[in-house]
């Protein structure tokens, strides 16, 4: 069933459609934040990484993970 079909289906439809839209939006925002975090970590110098307790190899390992995975 499409989102349009859910939204036009009685009193329960719009709230269910809004919940689905909210969940999808929240998931996309989470993925975007992870993607940006990966990019920001790779931009840090080795000195800055050492300061926060992360090695370059840990950053590379994290960066190679797809952003949609934990």
Protein backbone atom coordinates (compact mmCIF):
# COMPACT_ATOMS: atom_id res chain seq x y z
CA UNK A 1 0.00 0.00 0.00
CA UNK A 2 1.39 3.39 -0.95
CA UNK A 3 1.71 6.36 1.39
CA UNK A 4 -0.98 8.18 -0.60
CA UNK A 5 -3.36 5.26 -0.11
CA UNK A 6 -2.66 5.23 3.63
CA UNK A 7 -3.13 9.00 3.89
CA UNK A 8 -6.55 8.88 2.24
CA UNK A 9 -7.82 5.89 4.25
CA UNK A 10 -10.05 7.17 7.06
CA UNK A 11 -9.07 8.73 10.37
CA UNK A 12 -6.16 6.38 11.04
CA UNK A 13 -4.55 6.97 7.64
CA UNK A 14 -2.99 10.41 8.08
CA UNK A 15 -1.43 9.63 11.44
CA UNK A 16 0.05 6.40 10.10
CA UNK A 17 1.37 8.18 7.02
CA UNK A 18 2.84 10.92 9.18
CA UNK A 19 4.54 8.31 11.36
CA UNK A 20 6.07 6.64 8.31
CA UNK A 21 7.25 9.99 6.93
CA UNK A 22 8.70 10.94 10.32
CA UNK A 23 10.56 7.63 10.64
CA UNK A 24 11.99 7.89 7.13
CA UNK A 25 13.03 11.50 7.72
CA UNK A 26 14.68 10.60 11.04
CA UNK A 27 16.56 7.72 9.40
CA UNK A 28 17.79 9.92 6.55
CA UNK A 29 18.96 12.56 9.04
CA UNK A 30 20.84 9.91 11.04
CA UNK A 31 22.54 8.62 7.89
CA UNK A 32 23.51 12.16 6.89
CA UNK A 33 25.02 12.87 10.31
CA UNK A 34 27.06 9.65 10.18
CA UNK A 35 28.25 10.45 6.66
CA UNK A 36 29.31 13.95 7.70
CA UNK A 37 31.04 12.60 10.79
CA UNK A 38 33.03 10.17 8.67
CA UNK A 39 34.12 13.00 6.36
CA UNK A 40 35.06 15.27 9.26
CA UNK A 41 37.18 12.58 10.91
CA UNK A 42 39.18 12.01 7.73
CA UNK A 43 39.91 15.74 7.54
CA UNK A 44 41.55 15.83 10.98
CA UNK A 45 45.32 15.80 11.31
CA UNK A 46 47.10 12.92 13.03
CA UNK A 47 47.85 15.25 15.95
CA UNK A 48 44.16 16.08 16.37
CA UNK A 49 43.17 12.43 16.13
CA UNK A 50 45.73 11.53 18.79
CA UNK A 51 44.31 14.29 20.98
CA UNK A 52 40.85 12.70 20.90
CA UNK A 53 42.25 9.18 21.26
CA UNK A 54 41.65 7.82 17.76
CA UNK A 55 44.25 6.41 15.40
CA UNK A 56 44.33 7.01 11.65
CA UNK A 57 43.71 3.30 11.06
CA UNK A 58 40.56 3.45 13.21
CA UNK A 59 39.32 6.40 11.15
CA UNK A 60 40.00 4.56 7.91
CA UNK A 61 38.25 1.47 9.25
CA UNK A 62 35.21 3.55 10.20
CA UNK A 63 35.24 5.48 6.93
CA UNK A 64 35.15 2.32 4.84
CA UNK A 65 31.91 1.23 6.52
CA UNK A 66 28.77 2.24 4.66
CA UNK A 67 27.13 5.15 6.49
CA UNK A 68 23.84 3.26 6.81
CA UNK A 69 25.46 0.51 8.90
CA UNK A 70 26.23 0.80 12.61
